[in-house]
Amino acid sequence: MARKVIVYIAMSLDGYIARENGEIDWLLENSPSDPADYGYPEFYGTIDTVIMGKATYDQLPELTETFPYKGKKCYVFSRTASGRDEHAEYVNGDIGAFVEALKGRSGKNIWLVGGSELIEGFLEAGAVDEFMICVIPVLIGGGIPLFRKNGRQERLKLKSHFRFGDCVMLHYEVLR
């Protein structure tokens, strides 16, 4: 089975993944407390690699005391950092070439954690295979949108959906 790049992310009902300043207080206040409720443990078992942008990576210590992706290969796209640190390898190159090489290796699926600028770059490179979007029932009125305006159209096919509490998980496949 070919490896897939999957965007697994939460957003507010009005389409934002964070406030303008990057805060996700609204998410922490409105999410179910048990990750099993929204299928996180099952999803996490299907991946062996995580990819995120530098701003998302730098925010992790504010969210958790320990690195949340131990045992997974972690790549961080950055314009300024290079090399590696104790948790991640920094990537400065072309998204398309990087993903093609990564998918060419054996392994499980790849989780594109965020943020929106990196997700946009992956979409532009045709490197996203699926979206798993948890819609949180809150309107935050502004912030960092999950999808940036780009004039491009992407066709998706709904693979599944389920409700947990007042939230909905939508699972889409990108059609090529």
N, C-alpha and C. Protein backbone atom coordinates (compact mmCIF):
# COMPACT_ATOMS: atom_id res chain seq x y z
N MET A 1 0.85 -1.19 0.00
CA MET A 1 0.00 0.00 0.00
C MET A 1 0.89 1.24 0.00
N ALA A 2 0.58 2.17 -0.86
CA ALA A 2 1.37 3.39 -0.98
C ALA A 2 1.13 4.30 0.23
N ARG A 3 2.17 4.98 0.62
CA ARG A 3 2.07 5.94 1.72
C ARG A 3 1.25 7.13 1.27
N LYS A 4 0.50 7.70 2.21
CA LYS A 4 -0.31 8.88 1.92
C LYS A 4 0.09 10.02 2.84
N VAL A 5 -0.03 11.24 2.34
CA VAL A 5 0.12 12.44 3.16
C VAL A 5 -1.28 12.85 3.58
N ILE A 6 -1.51 12.88 4.90
CA ILE A 6 -2.83 13.17 5.43
C ILE A 6 -2.77 14.40 6.32
N VAL A 7 -3.60 15.39 6.01
CA VAL A 7 -3.77 16.55 6.89
C VAL A 7 -4.81 16.14 7.92
N TYR A 8 -4.40 16.02 9.17
CA TYR A 8 -5.30 15.68 10.28
C TYR A 8 -5.27 16.88 11.19
N ILE A 9 -6.41 17.60 11.28
CA ILE A 9 -6.38 18.90 11.94
C ILE A 9 -7.78 19.27 12.44
N ALA A 10 -7.82 20.16 13.40
CA ALA A 10 -9.08 20.69 13.90
C ALA A 10 -9.23 22.13 13.41
N MET A 11 -10.48 22.50 13.18
CA MET A 11 -10.76 23.89 12.80
C MET A 11 -12.08 24.32 13.44
N SER A 12 -12.22 25.61 13.61
CA SER A 12 -13.48 26.17 14.09
C SER A 12 -14.51 26.04 12.98
N LEU A 13 -15.77 26.13 13.35
CA LEU A 13 -16.83 26.04 12.35
C LEU A 13 -16.69 27.11 11.27
N ASP A 14 -16.10 28.28 11.62
CA ASP A 14 -15.91 29.32 10.62
C ASP A 14 -14.57 29.20 9.88
N GLY A 15 -13.90 28.06 10.01
CA GLY A 15 -12.76 27.75 9.14
C GLY A 15 -11.38 28.13 9.62
N TYR A 16 -11.20 28.41 10.90
CA TYR A 16 -9.88 28.83 11.41
C TYR A 16 -9.22 27.74 12.22
N ILE A 17 -7.89 27.67 12.14
CA ILE A 17 -7.13 26.69 12.92
C ILE A 17 -6.46 27.34 14.13
N ALA A 18 -6.42 28.66 14.16
CA ALA A 18 -5.83 29.39 15.28
C ALA A 18 -6.28 30.85 15.19
N ARG A 19 -6.09 31.55 16.30
CA ARG A 19 -6.35 32.99 16.28
C ARG A 19 -5.21 33.66 15.50
N GLU A 20 -5.35 34.94 15.20
CA GLU A 20 -4.32 35.67 14.44
C GLU A 20 -2.94 35.55 15.10
N ASN A 21 -2.92 35.52 16.45
CA ASN A 21 -1.64 35.44 17.18
C ASN A 21 -1.16 34.01 17.36
N GLY A 22 -1.87 33.04 16.76
CA GLY A 22 -1.48 31.64 16.84
C GLY A 22 -2.10 30.88 18.01
N GLU A 23 -2.80 31.58 18.89
CA GLU A 23 -3.39 30.93 20.06
C GLU A 23 -4.49 29.94 19.65
N ILE A 24 -4.57 28.84 20.41
CA ILE A 24 -5.62 27.84 20.15
C ILE A 24 -6.44 27.58 21.42
N ASP A 25 -6.59 28.61 22.23
CA ASP A 25 -7.37 28.49 23.46
C ASP A 25 -8.78 28.00 23.19
N TRP A 26 -9.40 28.45 22.12
CA TRP A 26 -10.75 28.06 21.74
C TRP A 26 -10.83 26.56 21.49
N LEU A 27 -9.76 25.98 20.95
CA LEU A 27 -9.73 24.55 20.66
C LEU A 27 -9.63 23.76 21.95
N LEU A 28 -8.75 24.19 22.83
CA LEU A 28 -8.57 23.49 24.10
C LEU A 28 -9.83 23.56 24.95
N GLU A 29 -10.56 24.65 24.87
CA GLU A 29 -11.78 24.83 25.66
C GLU A 29 -12.98 24.06 25.10
N ASN A 30 -12.97 23.74 23.81
CA ASN A 30 -14.15 23.17 23.16
C ASN A 30 -13.97 21.75 22.65
N SER A 31 -12.79 21.15 22.81
CA SER A 31 -12.55 19.80 22.32
C SER A 31 -12.94 18.77 23.36
N PRO A 32 -13.34 17.59 22.91
CA PRO A 32 -13.58 16.50 23.86
C PRO A 32 -12.28 16.16 24.58
N SER A 33 -12.37 15.77 25.82
CA SER A 33 -11.17 15.52 26.60
C SER A 33 -10.51 14.19 26.28
N ASP A 34 -11.26 13.23 25.77
CA ASP A 34 -10.70 11.91 25.49
C ASP A 34 -10.42 11.76 24.00
N PRO A 35 -9.13 11.67 23.62
CA PRO A 35 -8.79 11.54 22.20
C PRO A 35 -9.44 10.34 21.51
N ALA A 36 -9.75 9.29 22.28
CA ALA A 36 -10.40 8.13 21.68
C ALA A 36 -11.76 8.50 21.12
N ASP A 37 -12.38 9.55 21.66
CA ASP A 37 -13.69 9.98 21.17
C ASP A 37 -13.65 10.37 19.71
N TYR A 38 -12.53 10.92 19.26
CA TYR A 38 -12.46 11.36 17.87
C TYR A 38 -11.47 10.56 17.04
N GLY A 39 -11.11 9.37 17.49
CA GLY A 39 -10.32 8.45 16.68
C GLY A 39 -8.84 8.73 16.61
N TYR A 40 -8.32 9.59 17.49
CA TYR A 40 -6.91 9.93 17.42
C TYR A 40 -5.99 8.71 17.59
N PRO A 41 -6.22 7.85 18.59
CA PRO A 41 -5.30 6.71 18.75
C PRO A 41 -5.24 5.83 17.50
N GLU A 42 -6.38 5.61 16.87
CA GLU A 42 -6.41 4.79 15.65
C GLU A 42 -5.63 5.49 14.53
N PHE A 43 -5.87 6.79 14.36
CA PHE A 43 -5.15 7.53 13.32
C PHE A 43 -3.65 7.50 13.59
N TYR A 44 -3.25 7.78 14.82
CA TYR A 44 -1.84 7.85 15.19
C TYR A 44 -1.11 6.54 14.90
N GLY A 45 -1.81 5.44 15.02
CA GLY A 45 -1.22 4.14 14.72
C GLY A 45 -0.99 3.91 13.24
N THR A 46 -1.59 4.71 12.38
CA THR A 46 -1.43 4.54 10.92
C THR A 46 -0.29 5.35 10.35
N ILE A 47 0.37 6.17 11.18
CA ILE A 47 1.44 7.04 10.67
C ILE A 47 2.77 6.70 11.35
N ASP A 48 3.85 6.99 10.65
CA ASP A 48 5.18 6.86 11.26
C ASP A 48 6.02 8.11 11.06
N THR A 49 5.42 9.11 10.41
CA THR A 49 6.12 10.34 10.08
C THR A 49 5.19 11.53 10.30
N VAL A 50 5.74 12.61 10.88
CA VAL A 50 4.98 13.85 11.02
C VAL A 50 5.77 14.98 10.37
N ILE A 51 5.02 15.88 9.74
CA ILE A 51 5.61 17.04 9.09
C ILE A 51 4.86 18.27 9.58
N MET A 52 5.60 19.32 9.89
CA MET A 52 4.95 20.56 10.31
C MET A 52 5.83 21.74 9.95
N GLY A 53 5.26 22.92 10.04
CA GLY A 53 6.00 24.14 9.84
C GLY A 53 6.70 24.55 11.13
N LYS A 54 7.64 25.46 11.01
CA LYS A 54 8.44 25.89 12.16
C LYS A 54 7.59 26.56 13.23
N ALA A 55 6.62 27.38 12.85
CA ALA A 55 5.78 28.05 13.86
C ALA A 55 4.99 27.02 14.66
N THR A 56 4.47 26.01 14.00
CA THR A 56 3.74 24.94 14.70
C THR A 56 4.68 24.20 15.63
N TYR A 57 5.87 23.87 15.16
CA TYR A 57 6.86 23.16 15.97
C TYR A 57 7.25 23.98 17.20
N ASP A 58 7.45 25.28 17.00
CA ASP A 58 7.85 26.15 18.12
C ASP A 58 6.74 26.30 19.15
N GLN A 59 5.50 26.05 18.77
CA GLN A 59 4.36 26.18 19.68
C GLN A 59 4.18 24.94 20.57
N LEU A 60 4.76 23.81 20.19
CA LEU A 60 4.55 22.56 20.92
C LEU A 60 4.86 22.65 22.42
N PRO A 61 5.97 23.28 22.83
CA PRO A 61 6.24 23.33 24.28
C PRO A 61 5.16 24.07 25.08
N GLU A 62 4.43 24.95 24.45
CA GLU A 62 3.33 25.65 25.14
C GLU A 62 2.13 24.73 25.35
N LEU A 63 2.02 23.69 24.52
CA LEU A 63 0.86 22.82 24.55
C LEU A 63 1.06 21.56 25.37
N THR A 64 2.29 21.11 25.49
CA THR A 64 2.57 19.85 26.17
C THR A 64 3.96 19.88 26.79
N GLU A 65 4.11 19.18 27.91
CA GLU A 65 5.40 19.15 28.60
C GLU A 65 6.42 18.27 27.89
N THR A 66 5.95 17.22 27.22
CA THR A 66 6.85 16.31 26.53
C THR A 66 6.56 16.35 25.03
N PHE A 67 7.57 16.04 24.25
CA PHE A 67 7.40 16.02 22.80
C PHE A 67 6.34 14.99 22.43
N PRO A 68 5.27 15.39 21.74
CA PRO A 68 4.13 14.49 21.52
C PRO A 68 4.33 13.44 20.43
N TYR A 69 5.41 13.50 19.67
CA TYR A 69 5.57 12.58 18.55
C TYR A 69 6.78 11.67 18.71
N LYS A 70 7.11 11.30 19.93
CA LYS A 70 8.23 10.38 20.17
C LYS A 70 7.97 9.08 19.42
N GLY A 71 9.02 8.54 18.83
CA GLY A 71 8.88 7.30 18.08
C GLY A 71 8.46 7.49 16.63
N LYS A 72 8.19 8.72 16.25
CA LYS A 72 7.84 9.04 14.86
C LYS A 72 8.96 9.88 14.26
N LYS A 73 9.17 9.74 12.97
CA LYS A 73 10.13 10.59 12.28
C LYS A 73 9.48 11.96 12.12
N CYS A 74 10.16 13.02 12.53
CA CYS A 74 9.58 14.36 12.49
C CYS A 74 10.41 15.27 11.60
N TYR A 75 9.73 15.90 10.64
CA TYR A 75 10.35 16.88 9.75
C TYR A 75 9.69 18.23 9.99
N VAL A 76 10.50 19.27 10.02
CA VAL A 76 10.00 20.63 10.21
C VAL A 76 10.46 21.48 9.04
N PHE A 77 9.51 22.01 8.28
CA PHE A 77 9.86 22.91 7.19
C PHE A 77 10.16 24.29 7.77
N SER A 78 11.29 24.85 7.36
CA SER A 78 11.72 26.14 7.89
C SER A 78 12.52 26.89 6.84
N ARG A 79 12.38 28.21 6.84
CA ARG A 79 13.20 29.05 5.96
C ARG A 79 14.51 29.44 6.65
N THR A 80 14.56 29.30 7.97
CA THR A 80 15.72 29.79 8.72
C THR A 80 16.53 28.69 9.39
N ALA A 81 15.90 27.68 9.94
CA ALA A 81 16.62 26.63 10.66
C ALA A 81 17.05 25.53 9.69
N SER A 82 18.15 24.88 10.02
CA SER A 82 18.62 23.75 9.21
C SER A 82 19.24 22.72 10.14
N GLY A 83 19.56 21.58 9.57
CA GLY A 83 20.14 20.51 10.39
C GLY A 83 19.05 19.76 11.14
N ARG A 84 19.35 19.46 12.40
CA ARG A 84 18.38 18.74 13.21
C ARG A 84 18.56 19.11 14.67
N ASP A 85 17.54 18.84 15.46
CA ASP A 85 17.65 18.98 16.90
C ASP A 85 17.25 17.63 17.51
N GLU A 86 16.98 17.59 18.80
CA GLU A 86 16.70 16.31 19.45
C GLU A 86 15.42 15.63 18.97
N HIS A 87 14.50 16.39 18.38
CA HIS A 87 13.21 15.82 17.98
C HIS A 87 12.97 15.80 16.48
N ALA A 88 13.58 16.70 15.74
CA ALA A 88 13.19 16.88 14.34
C ALA A 88 14.37 17.18 13.43
N GLU A 89 14.12 16.89 12.16
CA GLU A 89 15.05 17.26 11.09
C GLU A 89 14.42 18.41 10.33
N TYR A 90 15.21 19.48 10.10
CA TYR A 90 14.69 20.65 9.39
C TYR A 90 14.83 20.45 7.88
N VAL A 91 13.81 20.93 7.17
CA VAL A 91 13.76 20.80 5.72
C VAL A 91 13.63 22.20 5.13
N ASN A 92 14.47 22.50 4.15
CA ASN A 92 14.43 23.80 3.50
C ASN A 92 14.14 23.70 2.01
N GLY A 93 13.99 22.48 1.50
CA GLY A 93 13.91 22.29 0.07
C GLY A 93 12.51 22.30 -0.51
N ASP A 94 12.45 21.86 -1.73
CA ASP A 94 11.21 21.80 -2.51
C ASP A 94 10.26 20.76 -1.93
N ILE A 95 9.02 21.16 -1.70
CA ILE A 95 8.03 20.26 -1.09
C ILE A 95 7.78 19.04 -1.98
N GLY A 96 7.55 19.26 -3.27
CA GLY A 96 7.23 18.16 -4.18
C GLY A 96 8.32 17.10 -4.20
N ALA A 97 9.57 17.52 -4.34
CA ALA A 97 10.69 16.57 -4.38
C ALA A 97 10.85 15.86 -3.04
N PHE A 98 10.68 16.60 -1.95
CA PHE A 98 10.80 16.00 -0.62
C PHE A 98 9.74 14.91 -0.43
N VAL A 99 8.49 15.22 -0.75
CA VAL A 99 7.40 14.25 -0.55
C VAL A 99 7.57 13.05 -1.47
N GLU A 100 7.99 13.28 -2.70
CA GLU A 100 8.21 12.16 -3.62
C GLU A 100 9.26 11.21 -3.06
N ALA A 101 10.35 11.75 -2.54
CA ALA A 101 11.39 10.91 -1.94
C ALA A 101 10.87 10.19 -0.69
N LEU A 102 10.11 10.90 0.12
CA LEU A 102 9.58 10.32 1.36
C LEU A 102 8.60 9.18 1.05
N LYS A 103 7.73 9.39 0.08
CA LYS A 103 6.78 8.36 -0.30
C LYS A 103 7.47 7.17 -0.96
N GLY A 104 8.64 7.38 -1.50
CA GLY A 104 9.40 6.30 -2.13
C GLY A 104 10.01 5.35 -1.12
N ARG A 105 10.08 5.75 0.12
CA ARG A 105 10.60 4.88 1.19
C ARG A 105 9.45 4.05 1.75
N SER A 106 9.79 2.90 2.26
CA SER A 106 8.74 2.08 2.88
C SER A 106 8.34 2.71 4.21
N GLY A 107 7.10 2.49 4.60
CA GLY A 107 6.64 3.02 5.87
C GLY A 107 5.13 3.20 5.87
N LYS A 108 4.68 3.78 6.96
CA LYS A 108 3.26 4.05 7.13
C LYS A 108 2.93 5.42 6.53
N ASN A 109 1.71 5.89 6.77
CA ASN A 109 1.28 7.18 6.26
C ASN A 109 2.02 8.32 6.94
N ILE A 110 1.85 9.51 6.38
CA ILE A 110 2.57 10.71 6.80
C ILE A 110 1.54 11.74 7.24
N TRP A 111 1.71 12.28 8.43
CA TRP A 111 0.78 13.26 8.98
C TRP A 111 1.32 14.67 8.74
N LEU A 112 0.59 15.43 7.96
CA LEU A 112 0.91 16.85 7.77
C LEU A 112 0.16 17.60 8.85
N VAL A 113 0.85 17.98 9.92
CA VAL A 113 0.25 18.56 11.11
C VAL A 113 -0.23 19.99 10.86
N GLY A 114 0.55 20.79 10.19
CA GLY A 114 0.20 22.20 9.96
C GLY A 114 1.45 23.02 9.95
N GLY A 115 1.31 24.30 9.83
CA GLY A 115 0.15 25.15 9.78
C GLY A 115 -0.34 25.42 8.37
N SER A 116 -1.16 26.44 8.28
CA SER A 116 -1.89 26.68 7.03
C SER A 116 -0.97 27.07 5.88
N GLU A 117 0.11 27.77 6.16
CA GLU A 117 1.03 28.14 5.08
C GLU A 117 1.69 26.90 4.49
N LEU A 118 2.07 25.97 5.36
CA LEU A 118 2.69 24.73 4.88
C LEU A 118 1.66 23.86 4.16
N ILE A 119 0.45 23.79 4.68
CA ILE A 119 -0.61 23.03 4.02
C ILE A 119 -0.84 23.59 2.62
N GLU A 120 -0.86 24.91 2.50
CA GLU A 120 -1.03 25.54 1.19
C GLU A 120 0.10 25.14 0.25
N GLY A 121 1.35 25.14 0.75
CA GLY A 121 2.49 24.71 -0.07
C GLY A 121 2.36 23.27 -0.53
N PHE A 122 1.89 22.40 0.35
CA PHE A 122 1.69 21.00 -0.01
C PHE A 122 0.57 20.86 -1.04
N LEU A 123 -0.50 21.63 -0.89
CA LEU A 123 -1.57 21.60 -1.89
C LEU A 123 -1.05 22.07 -3.25
N GLU A 124 -0.31 23.14 -3.23
CA GLU A 124 0.26 23.69 -4.47
C GLU A 124 1.15 22.66 -5.17
N ALA A 125 1.86 21.85 -4.39
CA ALA A 125 2.75 20.83 -4.94
C ALA A 125 2.01 19.54 -5.28
N GLY A 126 0.70 19.49 -5.03
CA GLY A 126 -0.06 18.26 -5.29
C GLY A 126 0.32 17.14 -4.35
N ALA A 127 0.74 17.49 -3.13
CA ALA A 127 1.30 16.51 -2.20
C ALA A 127 0.37 16.10 -1.07
N VAL A 128 -0.89 16.52 -1.09
CA VAL A 128 -1.85 16.10 -0.06
C VAL A 128 -2.76 15.04 -0.66
N ASP A 129 -2.89 13.92 0.04
CA ASP A 129 -3.74 12.83 -0.43
C ASP A 129 -5.10 12.80 0.25
N GLU A 130 -5.13 13.16 1.54
CA GLU A 130 -6.37 13.10 2.29
C GLU A 130 -6.43 14.22 3.33
N PHE A 131 -7.65 14.57 3.71
CA PHE A 131 -7.90 15.50 4.81
C PHE A 131 -8.76 14.81 5.84
N MET A 132 -8.39 14.93 7.09
CA MET A 132 -9.24 14.53 8.20
C MET A 132 -9.40 15.79 9.04
N ILE A 133 -10.57 16.39 8.94
CA ILE A 133 -10.82 17.69 9.57
C ILE A 133 -11.87 17.53 10.66
N CYS A 134 -11.48 17.87 11.87
CA CYS A 134 -12.40 17.87 12.99
C CYS A 134 -12.98 19.27 13.11
N VAL A 135 -14.29 19.38 12.91
CA VAL A 135 -14.96 20.68 13.00
C VAL A 135 -15.42 20.88 14.44
N ILE A 136 -14.87 21.91 15.07
CA ILE A 136 -15.17 22.23 16.47
C ILE A 136 -16.31 23.26 16.47
N PRO A 137 -17.35 23.04 17.27
CA PRO A 137 -18.52 23.93 17.24
C PRO A 137 -18.30 25.25 17.97
N VAL A 138 -17.47 26.08 17.37
CA VAL A 138 -17.24 27.41 17.90
C VAL A 138 -16.93 28.33 16.73
N LEU A 139 -17.41 29.56 16.79
CA LEU A 139 -17.08 30.58 15.80
C LEU A 139 -16.10 31.53 16.48
N ILE A 140 -14.90 31.64 15.94
CA ILE A 140 -13.92 32.53 16.59
C ILE A 140 -13.82 33.88 15.89
N GLY A 141 -14.47 34.03 14.76
CA GLY A 141 -14.62 35.33 14.14
C GLY A 141 -13.42 35.85 13.36
N GLY A 142 -12.35 35.12 13.34
CA GLY A 142 -11.17 35.55 12.59
C GLY A 142 -9.97 34.78 13.08
N GLY A 143 -8.89 34.83 12.31
CA GLY A 143 -7.69 34.12 12.71
C GLY A 143 -6.95 33.59 11.50
N ILE A 144 -6.27 32.48 11.69
CA ILE A 144 -5.50 31.83 10.64
C ILE A 144 -6.40 30.78 10.00
N PRO A 145 -6.76 30.97 8.72
CA PRO A 145 -7.67 30.02 8.08
C PRO A 145 -6.96 28.71 7.75
N LEU A 146 -7.74 27.63 7.77
CA LEU A 146 -7.17 26.36 7.34
C LEU A 146 -6.77 26.44 5.88
N PHE A 147 -7.63 27.01 5.05
CA PHE A 147 -7.33 27.13 3.62
C PHE A 147 -7.18 28.59 3.24
N ARG A 148 -6.06 28.90 2.62
CA ARG A 148 -5.80 30.26 2.16
C ARG A 148 -6.43 30.46 0.79
N LYS A 149 -6.81 31.69 0.50
CA LYS A 149 -7.35 32.00 -0.82
C LYS A 149 -6.22 31.86 -1.84
N ASN A 150 -6.48 31.05 -2.88
CA ASN A 150 -5.42 30.79 -3.84
C ASN A 150 -5.90 30.71 -5.28
N GLY A 151 -7.20 30.77 -5.51
CA GLY A 151 -7.72 30.71 -6.86
C GLY A 151 -7.69 29.33 -7.48
N ARG A 152 -7.26 28.34 -6.71
CA ARG A 152 -7.15 26.98 -7.23
C ARG A 152 -8.34 26.17 -6.72
N GLN A 153 -8.79 25.23 -7.51
CA GLN A 153 -9.89 24.36 -7.12
C GLN A 153 -9.35 22.95 -6.90
N GLU A 154 -9.77 22.31 -5.82
CA GLU A 154 -9.41 20.92 -5.54
C GLU A 154 -10.70 20.13 -5.41
N ARG A 155 -10.76 18.98 -6.04
CA ARG A 155 -11.92 18.11 -5.91
C ARG A 155 -11.64 17.07 -4.84
N LEU A 156 -12.64 16.84 -3.99
CA LEU A 156 -12.50 15.90 -2.89
C LEU A 156 -13.65 14.90 -2.92
N LYS A 157 -13.41 13.75 -2.32
CA LYS A 157 -14.45 12.73 -2.18
C LYS A 157 -14.55 12.38 -0.70
N LEU A 158 -15.76 12.43 -0.16
CA LEU A 158 -15.98 12.10 1.24
C LEU A 158 -15.78 10.60 1.44
N LYS A 159 -14.82 10.24 2.29
CA LYS A 159 -14.56 8.83 2.60
C LYS A 159 -15.40 8.39 3.80
N SER A 160 -15.50 9.27 4.81
CA SER A 160 -16.29 8.94 5.99
C SER A 160 -16.55 10.21 6.80
N HIS A 161 -17.45 10.07 7.74
CA HIS A 161 -17.72 11.15 8.68
C HIS A 161 -18.31 10.52 9.94
N PHE A 162 -18.06 11.16 11.07
CA PHE A 162 -18.72 10.71 12.28
C PHE A 162 -18.80 11.86 13.27
N ARG A 163 -19.79 11.72 14.14
CA ARG A 163 -20.04 12.73 15.15
C ARG A 163 -19.53 12.23 16.49
N PHE A 164 -18.93 13.12 17.26
CA PHE A 164 -18.59 12.82 18.65
C PHE A 164 -18.89 14.07 19.44
N GLY A 165 -19.79 13.95 20.40
CA GLY A 165 -20.25 15.12 21.11
C GLY A 165 -20.88 16.08 20.12
N ASP A 166 -20.47 17.33 20.20
CA ASP A 166 -20.96 18.34 19.27
C ASP A 166 -20.02 18.56 18.09
N CYS A 167 -18.98 17.75 17.99
CA CYS A 167 -17.98 17.87 16.92
C CYS A 167 -18.27 16.87 15.80
N VAL A 168 -17.70 17.16 14.62
CA VAL A 168 -17.83 16.27 13.48
C VAL A 168 -16.46 16.06 12.86
N MET A 169 -16.10 14.82 12.57
CA MET A 169 -14.86 14.50 11.87
C MET A 169 -15.23 14.18 10.42
N LEU A 170 -14.61 14.92 9.51
CA LEU A 170 -14.81 14.74 8.07
C LEU A 170 -13.54 14.18 7.47
N HIS A 171 -13.65 13.09 6.71
CA HIS A 171 -12.48 12.45 6.11
C HIS A 171 -12.65 12.47 4.59
N TYR A 172 -11.81 13.23 3.92
CA TYR A 172 -11.89 13.40 2.48
C TYR A 172 -10.62 12.87 1.78
N GLU A 173 -10.81 12.36 0.59
CA GLU A 173 -9.73 11.97 -0.29
C GLU A 173 -9.61 13.04 -1.36
N VAL A 174 -8.38 13.46 -1.68
CA VAL A 174 -8.16 14.42 -2.76
C VAL A 174 -8.19 13.65 -4.08
N LEU A 175 -9.05 14.11 -4.99
CA LEU A 175 -9.16 13.45 -6.30
C LEU A 175 -8.14 14.05 -7.26
N ARG A 176 -7.50 13.19 -7.99
CA ARG A 176 -6.49 13.64 -8.95
C ARG A 176 -6.94 13.28 -10.35
